[in-house]
Amino acid sequence: MEDIEKELRELRADLIQYATPMTYADRKSGIEQLQFTMDDFCEAFGKKHQPYAVRLRNALTQQGITSLSDFLALTPGQLLDLEGVGPGTLQYANKALKKLGIHW
């Protein structure tokens, strides 16, 4: 039981780094002028982490989210609600965005 509680505390600490106080409107208006596409984003995951990119893209496509700006307007909580998206996917997505010079 202690291991599970420890793992949950670590997960919460990891997720806090993805949280942002910006509203949806703030996020949307600040990212409409992106120069990158979803293809660029998925490629930035790197070969080693492509399975995460594929799962994320499939989950987003099922929800009608096909642009990087629409992805960036989502909160981590909204992403975690999607089937196939977990904390690891968020971690690698954040790293991919950093490679592109995008702060999320």
PDB file of N, CA and C in Angstrom:
ATOM      1  N   MET A   1       0.824  -1.193   0.000  1.00  0.00           N
ATOM      2  CA  MET A   1       0.000   0.000   0.000  1.00  0.00           C
ATOM      3  C   MET A   1       0.869   1.257   0.000  1.00  0.00           C
ATOM      4  N   GLU A   2       1.963   1.220   0.747  1.00  0.00           N
ATOM      5  CA  GLU A   2       2.855   2.372   0.801  1.00  0.00           C
ATOM      6  C   GLU A   2       3.465   2.647  -0.574  1.00  0.00           C
ATOM      7  N   ASP A   3       3.764   1.586  -1.324  1.00  0.00           N
ATOM      8  CA  ASP A   3       4.318   1.760  -2.668  1.00  0.00           C
ATOM      9  C   ASP A   3       3.327   2.473  -3.579  1.00  0.00           C
ATOM     10  N   ILE A   4       2.072   2.119  -3.469  1.00  0.00           N
ATOM     11  CA  ILE A   4       1.044   2.749  -4.297  1.00  0.00           C
ATOM     12  C   ILE A   4       0.898   4.220  -3.923  1.00  0.00           C
ATOM     13  N   GLU A   5       0.877   4.506  -2.630  1.00  0.00           N
ATOM     14  CA  GLU A   5       0.767   5.894  -2.188  1.00  0.00           C
ATOM     15  C   GLU A   5       1.971   6.704  -2.643  1.00  0.00           C
ATOM     16  N   LYS A   6       3.147   6.123  -2.567  1.00  0.00           N
ATOM     17  CA  LYS A   6       4.366   6.807  -3.016  1.00  0.00           C
ATOM     18  C   LYS A   6       4.287   7.076  -4.520  1.00  0.00           C
ATOM     19  N   GLU A   7       3.845   6.090  -5.267  1.00  0.00           N
ATOM     20  CA  GLU A   7       3.724   6.248  -6.716  1.00  0.00           C
ATOM     21  C   GLU A   7       2.708   7.338  -7.062  1.00  0.00           C
ATOM     22  N   LEU A   8       1.598   7.397  -6.341  1.00  0.00           N
ATOM     23  CA  LEU A   8       0.597   8.439  -6.577  1.00  0.00           C
ATOM     24  C   LEU A   8       1.154   9.826  -6.260  1.00  0.00           C
ATOM     25  N   ARG A   9       1.920   9.940  -5.171  1.00  0.00           N
ATOM     26  CA  ARG A   9       2.533  11.231  -4.831  1.00  0.00           C
ATOM     27  C   ARG A   9       3.492  11.672  -5.932  1.00  0.00           C
ATOM     28  N   GLU A  10       4.289  10.734  -6.451  1.00  0.00           N
ATOM     29  CA  GLU A  10       5.229  11.056  -7.516  1.00  0.00           C
ATOM     30  C   GLU A  10       4.492  11.461  -8.789  1.00  0.00           C
ATOM     31  N   LEU A  11       3.404  10.752  -9.086  1.00  0.00           N
ATOM     32  CA  LEU A  11       2.607  11.078 -10.266  1.00  0.00           C
ATOM     33  C   LEU A  11       2.008  12.475 -10.143  1.00  0.00           C
ATOM     34  N   ARG A  12       1.456  12.793  -8.970  1.00  0.00           N
ATOM     35  CA  ARG A  12       0.893  14.131  -8.754  1.00  0.00           C
ATOM     36  C   ARG A  12       1.967  15.198  -8.915  1.00  0.00           C
ATOM     37  N   ALA A  13       3.151  14.950  -8.376  1.00  0.00           N
ATOM     38  CA  ALA A  13       4.246  15.912  -8.498  1.00  0.00           C
ATOM     39  C   ALA A  13       4.639  16.107  -9.963  1.00  0.00           C
ATOM     40  N   ASP A  14       4.662  15.021 -10.724  1.00  0.00           N
ATOM     41  CA  ASP A  14       4.980  15.121 -12.153  1.00  0.00           C
ATOM     42  C   ASP A  14       3.916  15.912 -12.897  1.00  0.00           C
ATOM     43  N   LEU A  15       2.655  15.673 -12.580  1.00  0.00           N
ATOM     44  CA  LEU A  15       1.570  16.344 -13.292  1.00  0.00           C
ATOM     45  C   LEU A  15       1.493  17.826 -12.972  1.00  0.00           C
ATOM     46  N   ILE A  16       1.915  18.211 -11.783  1.00  0.00           N
ATOM     47  CA  ILE A  16       1.884  19.623 -11.407  1.00  0.00           C
ATOM     48  C   ILE A  16       2.732  20.447 -12.360  1.00  0.00           C
ATOM     49  N   GLN A  17       3.836  19.883 -12.833  1.00  0.00           N
ATOM     50  CA  GLN A  17       4.694  20.645 -13.735  1.00  0.00           C
ATOM     51  C   GLN A  17       4.011  20.952 -15.063  1.00  0.00           C
ATOM     52  N   TYR A  18       2.970  20.200 -15.405  1.00  0.00           N
ATOM     53  CA  TYR A  18       2.253  20.438 -16.662  1.00  0.00           C
ATOM     54  C   TYR A  18       1.099  21.419 -16.483  1.00  0.00           C
ATOM     55  N   ALA A  19       0.730  21.688 -15.250  1.00  0.00           N
ATOM     56  CA  ALA A  19      -0.404  22.565 -14.997  1.00  0.00           C
ATOM     57  C   ALA A  19      -0.026  24.013 -15.288  1.00  0.00           C
ATOM     58  N   THR A  20      -0.995  24.780 -15.699  1.00  0.00           N
ATOM     59  CA  THR A  20      -0.774  26.187 -15.991  1.00  0.00           C
ATOM     60  C   THR A  20      -2.014  26.967 -15.594  1.00  0.00           C
ATOM     61  N   PRO A  21      -1.833  28.181 -15.064  1.00  0.00           N
ATOM     62  CA  PRO A  21      -2.988  28.958 -14.655  1.00  0.00           C
ATOM     63  C   PRO A  21      -3.698  29.658 -15.816  1.00  0.00           C
ATOM     64  N   MET A  22      -3.213  29.500 -17.043  1.00  0.00           N
ATOM     65  CA  MET A  22      -3.820  30.173 -18.185  1.00  0.00           C
ATOM     66  C   MET A  22      -5.211  29.615 -18.474  1.00  0.00           C
ATOM     67  N   THR A  23      -6.095  30.469 -18.932  1.00  0.00           N
ATOM     68  CA  THR A  23      -7.422  30.020 -19.314  1.00  0.00           C
ATOM     69  C   THR A  23      -7.365  29.435 -20.717  1.00  0.00           C
ATOM     70  N   TYR A  24      -8.425  28.769 -21.107  1.00  0.00           N
ATOM     71  CA  TYR A  24      -8.499  28.198 -22.446  1.00  0.00           C
ATOM     72  C   TYR A  24      -8.357  29.303 -23.492  1.00  0.00           C
ATOM     73  N   ALA A  25      -9.038  30.415 -23.293  1.00  0.00           N
ATOM     74  CA  ALA A  25      -8.983  31.521 -24.259  1.00  0.00           C
ATOM     75  C   ALA A  25      -7.563  32.067 -24.377  1.00  0.00           C
ATOM     76  N   ASP A  26      -6.860  32.210 -23.247  1.00  0.00           N
ATOM     77  CA  ASP A  26      -5.475  32.684 -23.269  1.00  0.00           C
ATOM     78  C   ASP A  26      -4.594  31.723 -24.051  1.00  0.00           C
ATOM     79  N   ARG A  27      -4.760  30.454 -23.773  1.00  0.00           N
ATOM     80  CA  ARG A  27      -3.942  29.446 -24.438  1.00  0.00           C
ATOM     81  C   ARG A  27      -4.223  29.451 -25.936  1.00  0.00           C
ATOM     82  N   LYS A  28      -5.497  29.498 -26.306  1.00  0.00           N
ATOM     83  CA  LYS A  28      -5.894  29.438 -27.712  1.00  0.00           C
ATOM     84  C   LYS A  28      -5.372  30.653 -28.477  1.00  0.00           C
ATOM     85  N   SER A  29      -5.509  31.836 -27.906  1.00  0.00           N
ATOM     86  CA  SER A  29      -5.086  33.043 -28.618  1.00  0.00           C
ATOM     87  C   SER A  29      -3.576  33.105 -28.767  1.00  0.00           C
ATOM     88  N   GLY A  30      -2.845  32.565 -27.826  1.00  0.00           N
ATOM     89  CA  GLY A  30      -1.398  32.617 -27.886  1.00  0.00           C
ATOM     90  C   GLY A  30      -0.773  31.582 -28.807  1.00  0.00           C
ATOM     91  N   ILE A  31      -1.538  30.629 -29.276  1.00  0.00           N
ATOM     92  CA  ILE A  31      -0.952  29.544 -30.073  1.00  0.00           C
ATOM     93  C   ILE A  31      -1.516  29.449 -31.473  1.00  0.00           C
ATOM     94  N   GLU A  32      -2.364  30.364 -31.852  1.00  0.00           N
ATOM     95  CA  GLU A  32      -2.956  30.284 -33.178  1.00  0.00           C
ATOM     96  C   GLU A  32      -1.948  30.492 -34.301  1.00  0.00           C
ATOM     97  N   GLN A  33      -0.841  31.145 -34.018  1.00  0.00           N
ATOM     98  CA  GLN A  33       0.138  31.478 -35.041  1.00  0.00           C
ATOM     99  C   GLN A  33       1.319  30.500 -35.064  1.00  0.00           C
ATOM    100  N   LEU A  34       1.085  29.260 -34.740  1.00  0.00           N
ATOM    101  CA  LEU A  34       2.165  28.272 -34.692  1.00  0.00           C
ATOM    102  C   LEU A  34       2.753  28.007 -36.069  1.00  0.00           C
ATOM    103  N   GLN A  35       4.052  27.783 -36.088  1.00  0.00           N
ATOM    104  CA  GLN A  35       4.705  27.445 -37.350  1.00  0.00           C
ATOM    105  C   GLN A  35       4.880  25.938 -37.508  1.00  0.00           C
ATOM    106  N   PHE A  36       4.518  25.177 -36.505  1.00  0.00           N
ATOM    107  CA  PHE A  36       4.691  23.731 -36.542  1.00  0.00           C
ATOM    108  C   PHE A  36       3.361  23.015 -36.734  1.00  0.00           C
ATOM    109  N   THR A  37       3.438  21.806 -37.270  1.00  0.00           N
ATOM    110  CA  THR A  37       2.247  20.980 -37.491  1.00  0.00           C
ATOM    111  C   THR A  37       2.268  19.799 -36.524  1.00  0.00           C
ATOM    112  N   MET A  38       1.203  19.025 -36.553  1.00  0.00           N
ATOM    113  CA  MET A  38       1.162  17.803 -35.745  1.00  0.00           C
ATOM    114  C   MET A  38       2.245  16.830 -36.209  1.00  0.00           C
ATOM    115  N   ASP A  39       2.529  16.813 -37.494  1.00  0.00           N
ATOM    116  CA  ASP A  39       3.599  15.946 -37.998  1.00  0.00           C
ATOM    117  C   ASP A  39       4.936  16.322 -37.372  1.00  0.00           C
ATOM    118  N   ASP A  40       5.209  17.619 -37.295  1.00  0.00           N
ATOM    119  CA  ASP A  40       6.450  18.088 -36.666  1.00  0.00           C
ATOM    120  C   ASP A  40       6.497  17.664 -35.201  1.00  0.00           C
ATOM    121  N   PHE A  41       5.371  17.837 -34.542  1.00  0.00           N
ATOM    122  CA  PHE A  41       5.262  17.491 -33.126  1.00  0.00           C
ATOM    123  C   PHE A  41       5.519  15.999 -32.912  1.00  0.00           C
ATOM    124  N   CYS A  42       4.859  15.160 -33.697  1.00  0.00           N
ATOM    125  CA  CYS A  42       5.024  13.715 -33.546  1.00  0.00           C
ATOM    126  C   CYS A  42       6.449  13.277 -33.882  1.00  0.00           C
ATOM    127  N   GLU A  43       7.040  13.918 -34.849  1.00  0.00           N
ATOM    128  CA  GLU A  43       8.419  13.599 -35.207  1.00  0.00           C
ATOM    129  C   GLU A  43       9.385  13.977 -34.087  1.00  0.00           C
ATOM    130  N   ALA A  44       9.062  15.034 -33.352  1.00  0.00           N
ATOM    131  CA  ALA A  44       9.922  15.500 -32.263  1.00  0.00           C
ATOM    132  C   ALA A  44       9.954  14.521 -31.086  1.00  0.00           C
ATOM    133  N   PHE A  45       9.028  13.569 -31.041  1.00  0.00           N
ATOM    134  CA  PHE A  45       9.060  12.545 -29.997  1.00  0.00           C
ATOM    135  C   PHE A  45      10.333  11.700 -30.132  1.00  0.00           C
ATOM    136  N   GLY A  46      10.844  11.605 -31.360  1.00  0.00           N
ATOM    137  CA  GLY A  46      12.014  10.773 -31.621  1.00  0.00           C
ATOM    138  C   GLY A  46      11.605   9.341 -31.892  1.00  0.00           C
ATOM    139  N   LYS A  47      12.497   8.607 -32.516  1.00  0.00           N
ATOM    140  CA  LYS A  47      12.193   7.223 -32.892  1.00  0.00           C
ATOM    141  C   LYS A  47      11.894   6.342 -31.686  1.00  0.00           C
ATOM    142  N   LYS A  48      12.646   6.550 -30.630  1.00  0.00           N
ATOM    143  CA  LYS A  48      12.492   5.716 -29.438  1.00  0.00           C
ATOM    144  C   LYS A  48      11.094   5.842 -28.814  1.00  0.00           C
ATOM    145  N   HIS A  49      10.513   7.027 -28.898  1.00  0.00           N
ATOM    146  CA  HIS A  49       9.231   7.279 -28.234  1.00  0.00           C
ATOM    147  C   HIS A  49       8.067   7.419 -29.222  1.00  0.00           C
ATOM    148  N   GLN A  50       8.246   6.949 -30.452  1.00  0.00           N
ATOM    149  CA  GLN A  50       7.189   7.031 -31.452  1.00  0.00           C
ATOM    150  C   GLN A  50       5.899   6.328 -31.039  1.00  0.00           C
ATOM    151  N   PRO A  51       5.947   5.200 -30.327  1.00  0.00           N
ATOM    152  CA  PRO A  51       4.683   4.588 -29.904  1.00  0.00           C
ATOM    153  C   PRO A  51       3.806   5.537 -29.083  1.00  0.00           C
ATOM    154  N   TYR A  52       4.434   6.393 -28.263  1.00  0.00           N
ATOM    155  CA  TYR A  52       3.673   7.373 -27.494  1.00  0.00           C
ATOM    156  C   TYR A  52       3.038   8.408 -28.420  1.00  0.00           C
ATOM    157  N   ALA A  53       3.801   8.847 -29.414  1.00  0.00           N
ATOM    158  CA  ALA A  53       3.289   9.827 -30.368  1.00  0.00           C
ATOM    159  C   ALA A  53       2.113   9.250 -31.152  1.00  0.00           C
ATOM    160  N   VAL A  54       2.227   8.006 -31.554  1.00  0.00           N
ATOM    161  CA  VAL A  54       1.151   7.364 -32.323  1.00  0.00           C
ATOM    162  C   VAL A  54      -0.104   7.229 -31.468  1.00  0.00           C
ATOM    163  N   ARG A  55       0.059   6.768 -30.230  1.00  0.00           N
ATOM    164  CA  ARG A  55      -1.099   6.635 -29.336  1.00  0.00           C
ATOM    165  C   ARG A  55      -1.762   7.980 -29.087  1.00  0.00           C
ATOM    166  N   LEU A  56      -0.943   9.003 -28.853  1.00  0.00           N
ATOM    167  CA  LEU A  56      -1.485  10.334 -28.610  1.00  0.00           C
ATOM    168  C   LEU A  56      -2.231  10.849 -29.829  1.00  0.00           C
ATOM    169  N   ARG A  57      -1.613  10.726 -30.981  1.00  0.00           N
ATOM    170  CA  ARG A  57      -2.254  11.225 -32.206  1.00  0.00           C
ATOM    171  C   ARG A  57      -3.570  10.483 -32.482  1.00  0.00           C
ATOM    172  N   ASN A  58      -3.596   9.175 -32.267  1.00  0.00           N
ATOM    173  CA  ASN A  58      -4.828   8.407 -32.460  1.00  0.00           C
ATOM    174  C   ASN A  58      -5.928   8.865 -31.499  1.00  0.00           C
ATOM    175  N   ALA A  59      -5.558   9.077 -30.243  1.00  0.00           N
ATOM    176  CA  ALA A  59      -6.537   9.527 -29.244  1.00  0.00           C
ATOM    177  C   ALA A  59      -7.070  10.912 -29.603  1.00  0.00           C
ATOM    178  N   LEU A  60      -6.184  11.782 -30.068  1.00  0.00           N
ATOM    179  CA  LEU A  60      -6.605  13.131 -30.446  1.00  0.00           C
ATOM    180  C   LEU A  60      -7.505  13.101 -31.677  1.00  0.00           C
ATOM    181  N   THR A  61      -7.130  12.294 -32.658  1.00  0.00           N
ATOM    182  CA  THR A  61      -7.915  12.199 -33.888  1.00  0.00           C
ATOM    183  C   THR A  61      -9.324  11.698 -33.598  1.00  0.00           C
ATOM    184  N   GLN A  62      -9.445  10.748 -32.672  1.00  0.00           N
ATOM    185  CA  GLN A  62     -10.765  10.245 -32.295  1.00  0.00           C
ATOM    186  C   GLN A  62     -11.644  11.345 -31.708  1.00  0.00           C
ATOM    187  N   GLN A  63     -11.005  12.361 -31.139  1.00  0.00           N
ATOM    188  CA  GLN A  63     -11.746  13.474 -30.550  1.00  0.00           C
ATOM    189  C   GLN A  63     -11.880  14.655 -31.520  1.00  0.00           C
ATOM    190  N   GLY A  64     -11.385  14.486 -32.747  1.00  0.00           N
ATOM    191  CA  GLY A  64     -11.483  15.546 -33.747  1.00  0.00           C
ATOM    192  C   GLY A  64     -10.409  16.606 -33.633  1.00  0.00           C
ATOM    193  N   ILE A  65      -9.366  16.306 -32.885  1.00  0.00           N
ATOM    194  CA  ILE A  65      -8.270  17.257 -32.684  1.00  0.00           C
ATOM    195  C   ILE A  65      -7.151  16.887 -33.644  1.00  0.00           C
ATOM    196  N   THR A  66      -6.949  17.720 -34.644  1.00  0.00           N
ATOM    197  CA  THR A  66      -5.973  17.391 -35.679  1.00  0.00           C
ATOM    198  C   THR A  66      -4.876  18.437 -35.842  1.00  0.00           C
ATOM    199  N   SER A  67      -4.976  19.546 -35.136  1.00  0.00           N
ATOM    200  CA  SER A  67      -3.944  20.577 -35.262  1.00  0.00           C
ATOM    201  C   SER A  67      -3.169  20.715 -33.956  1.00  0.00           C
ATOM    202  N   LEU A  68      -1.951  21.165 -34.069  1.00  0.00           N
ATOM    203  CA  LEU A  68      -1.114  21.352 -32.892  1.00  0.00           C
ATOM    204  C   LEU A  68      -1.688  22.448 -32.000  1.00  0.00           C
ATOM    205  N   SER A  69      -2.249  23.480 -32.580  1.00  0.00           N
ATOM    206  CA  SER A  69      -2.825  24.551 -31.756  1.00  0.00           C
ATOM    207  C   SER A  69      -4.008  24.045 -30.935  1.00  0.00           C
ATOM    208  N   ASP A  70      -4.830  23.165 -31.518  1.00  0.00           N
ATOM    209  CA  ASP A  70      -5.938  22.581 -30.751  1.00  0.00           C
ATOM    210  C   ASP A  70      -5.416  21.684 -29.631  1.00  0.00           C
ATOM    211  N   PHE A  71      -4.343  20.944 -29.919  1.00  0.00           N
ATOM    212  CA  PHE A  71      -3.730  20.109 -28.879  1.00  0.00           C
ATOM    213  C   PHE A  71      -3.241  20.977 -27.725  1.00  0.00           C
ATOM    214  N   LEU A  72      -2.547  22.062 -28.044  1.00  0.00           N
ATOM    215  CA  LEU A  72      -1.964  22.914 -27.011  1.00  0.00           C
ATOM    216  C   LEU A  72      -3.025  23.633 -26.176  1.00  0.00           C
ATOM    217  N   ALA A  73      -4.215  23.753 -26.707  1.00  0.00           N
ATOM    218  CA  ALA A  73      -5.290  24.402 -25.962  1.00  0.00           C
ATOM    219  C   ALA A  73      -5.893  23.483 -24.902  1.00  0.00           C
ATOM    220  N   LEU A  74      -5.578  22.202 -24.976  1.00  0.00           N
ATOM    221  CA  LEU A  74      -6.086  21.246 -23.984  1.00  0.00           C
ATOM    222  C   LEU A  74      -5.268  21.317 -22.703  1.00  0.00           C
ATOM    223  N   THR A  75      -5.900  20.990 -21.615  1.00  0.00           N
ATOM    224  CA  THR A  75      -5.192  20.899 -20.342  1.00  0.00           C
ATOM    225  C   THR A  75      -4.669  19.478 -20.160  1.00  0.00           C
ATOM    226  N   PRO A  76      -3.675  19.300 -19.302  1.00  0.00           N
ATOM    227  CA  PRO A  76      -3.205  17.941 -19.024  1.00  0.00           C
ATOM    228  C   PRO A  76      -4.323  17.022 -18.544  1.00  0.00           C
ATOM    229  N   GLY A  77      -5.232  17.544 -17.751  1.00  0.00           N
ATOM    230  CA  GLY A  77      -6.351  16.734 -17.272  1.00  0.00           C
ATOM    231  C   GLY A  77      -7.240  16.255 -18.414  1.00  0.00           C
ATOM    232  N   GLN A  78      -7.482  17.132 -19.368  1.00  0.00           N
ATOM    233  CA  GLN A  78      -8.288  16.745 -20.528  1.00  0.00           C
ATOM    234  C   GLN A  78      -7.571  15.661 -21.324  1.00  0.00           C
ATOM    235  N   LEU A  79      -6.267  15.785 -21.447  1.00  0.00           N
ATOM    236  CA  LEU A  79      -5.504  14.784 -22.181  1.00  0.00           C
ATOM    237  C   LEU A  79      -5.511  13.439 -21.463  1.00  0.00           C
ATOM    238  N   LEU A  80      -5.368  13.476 -20.149  1.00  0.00           N
ATOM    239  CA  LEU A  80      -5.361  12.230 -19.381  1.00  0.00           C
ATOM    240  C   LEU A  80      -6.716  11.526 -19.423  1.00  0.00           C
ATOM    241  N   ASP A  81      -7.771  12.271 -19.713  1.00  0.00           N
ATOM    242  CA  ASP A  81      -9.096  11.660 -19.843  1.00  0.00           C
ATOM    243  C   ASP A  81      -9.245  10.872 -21.136  1.00  0.00           C
ATOM    244  N   LEU A  82      -8.347  11.084 -22.090  1.00  0.00           N
ATOM    245  CA  LEU A  82      -8.418  10.377 -23.370  1.00  0.00           C
ATOM    246  C   LEU A  82      -7.875   8.965 -23.215  1.00  0.00           C
ATOM    247  N   GLU A  83      -8.532   8.026 -23.836  1.00  0.00           N
ATOM    248  CA  GLU A  83      -8.087   6.636 -23.791  1.00  0.00           C
ATOM    249  C   GLU A  83      -6.731   6.507 -24.479  1.00  0.00           C
ATOM    250  N   GLY A  84      -5.794   5.853 -23.803  1.00  0.00           N
ATOM    251  CA  GLY A  84      -4.470   5.634 -24.371  1.00  0.00           C
ATOM    252  C   GLY A  84      -3.459   6.707 -24.008  1.00  0.00           C
ATOM    253  N   VAL A  85      -3.895   7.729 -23.267  1.00  0.00           N
ATOM    254  CA  VAL A  85      -2.990   8.810 -22.878  1.00  0.00           C
ATOM    255  C   VAL A  85      -2.758   8.733 -21.373  1.00  0.00           C
ATOM    256  N   GLY A  86      -1.503   8.613 -21.006  1.00  0.00           N
ATOM    257  CA  GLY A  86      -1.148   8.543 -19.594  1.00  0.00           C
ATOM    258  C   GLY A  86      -0.039   9.527 -19.267  1.00  0.00           C
ATOM    259  N   PRO A  87       0.451   9.484 -18.038  1.00  0.00           N
ATOM    260  CA  PRO A  87       1.497  10.410 -17.618  1.00  0.00           C
ATOM    261  C   PRO A  87       2.766  10.323 -18.480  1.00  0.00           C
ATOM    262  N   GLY A  88       3.126   9.124 -18.913  1.00  0.00           N
ATOM    263  CA  GLY A  88       4.307   8.973 -19.765  1.00  0.00           C
ATOM    264  C   GLY A  88       4.136   9.705 -21.078  1.00  0.00           C
ATOM    265  N   THR A  89       2.946   9.618 -21.642  1.00  0.00           N
ATOM    266  CA  THR A  89       2.665  10.313 -22.900  1.00  0.00           C
ATOM    267  C   THR A  89       2.795  11.817 -22.702  1.00  0.00           C
ATOM    268  N   LEU A  90       2.283  12.341 -21.589  1.00  0.00           N
ATOM    269  CA  LEU A  90       2.396  13.773 -21.316  1.00  0.00           C
ATOM    270  C   LEU A  90       3.847  14.186 -21.149  1.00  0.00           C
ATOM    271  N   GLN A  91       4.617  13.346 -20.490  1.00  0.00           N
ATOM    272  CA  GLN A  91       6.028  13.648 -20.280  1.00  0.00           C
ATOM    273  C   GLN A  91       6.758  13.743 -21.625  1.00  0.00           C
ATOM    274  N   TYR A  92       6.550  12.764 -22.495  1.00  0.00           N
ATOM    275  CA  TYR A  92       7.232  12.776 -23.794  1.00  0.00           C
ATOM    276  C   TYR A  92       6.682  13.869 -24.705  1.00  0.00           C
ATOM    277  N   ALA A  93       5.406  14.179 -24.569  1.00  0.00           N
ATOM    278  CA  ALA A  93       4.826  15.276 -25.355  1.00  0.00           C
ATOM    279  C   ALA A  93       5.464  16.598 -24.950  1.00  0.00           C
ATOM    280  N   ASN A  94       5.631  16.796 -23.654  1.00  0.00           N
ATOM    281  CA  ASN A  94       6.254  18.021 -23.158  1.00  0.00           C
ATOM    282  C   ASN A  94       7.687  18.138 -23.668  1.00  0.00           C
ATOM    283  N   LYS A  95       8.422  17.042 -23.654  1.00  0.00           N
ATOM    284  CA  LYS A  95       9.797  17.050 -24.157  1.00  0.00           C
ATOM    285  C   LYS A  95       9.832  17.346 -25.653  1.00  0.00           C
ATOM    286  N   ALA A  96       8.885  16.776 -26.400  1.00  0.00           N
ATOM    287  CA  ALA A  96       8.820  17.028 -27.847  1.00  0.00           C
ATOM    288  C   ALA A  96       8.535  18.499 -28.114  1.00  0.00           C
ATOM    289  N   LEU A  97       7.625  19.074 -27.343  1.00  0.00           N
ATOM    290  CA  LEU A  97       7.311  20.491 -27.515  1.00  0.00           C
ATOM    291  C   LEU A  97       8.530  21.366 -27.212  1.00  0.00           C
ATOM    292  N   LYS A  98       9.274  20.998 -26.184  1.00  0.00           N
ATOM    293  CA  LYS A  98      10.482  21.759 -25.850  1.00  0.00           C
ATOM    294  C   LYS A  98      11.490  21.709 -26.993  1.00  0.00           C
ATOM    295  N   LYS A  99      11.589  20.552 -27.657  1.00  0.00           N
ATOM    296  CA  LYS A  99      12.475  20.441 -28.815  1.00  0.00           C
ATOM    297  C   LYS A  99      12.075  21.434 -29.907  1.00  0.00           C
ATOM    298  N   LEU A 100      10.770  21.693 -30.009  1.00  0.00           N
ATOM    299  CA  LEU A 100      10.274  22.621 -31.013  1.00  0.00           C
ATOM    300  C   LEU A 100      10.325  24.070 -30.519  1.00  0.00           C
ATOM    301  N   GLY A 101      10.721  24.250 -29.260  1.00  0.00           N
ATOM    302  CA  GLY A 101      10.789  25.596 -28.690  1.00  0.00           C
ATOM    303  C   GLY A 101       9.450  26.107 -28.219  1.00  0.00           C
ATOM    304  N   ILE A 102       8.527  25.205 -27.918  1.00  0.00           N
ATOM    305  CA  ILE A 102       7.182  25.586 -27.471  1.00  0.00           C
ATOM    306  C   ILE A 102       7.055  25.289 -25.991  1.00  0.00           C
ATOM    307  N   HIS A 103       6.708  26.307 -25.225  1.00  0.00           N
ATOM    308  CA  HIS A 103       6.462  26.116 -23.792  1.00  0.00           C
ATOM    309  C   HIS A 103       4.983  25.828 -23.606  1.00  0.00           C
ATOM    310  N   TRP A 104       4.692  24.718 -22.933  1.00  0.00           N
ATOM    311  CA  TRP A 104       3.290  24.304 -22.751  1.00  0.00           C
ATOM    312  C   TRP A 104       2.969  24.219 -21.295  1.00  0.00           C
TER     313      TRP A 104
END
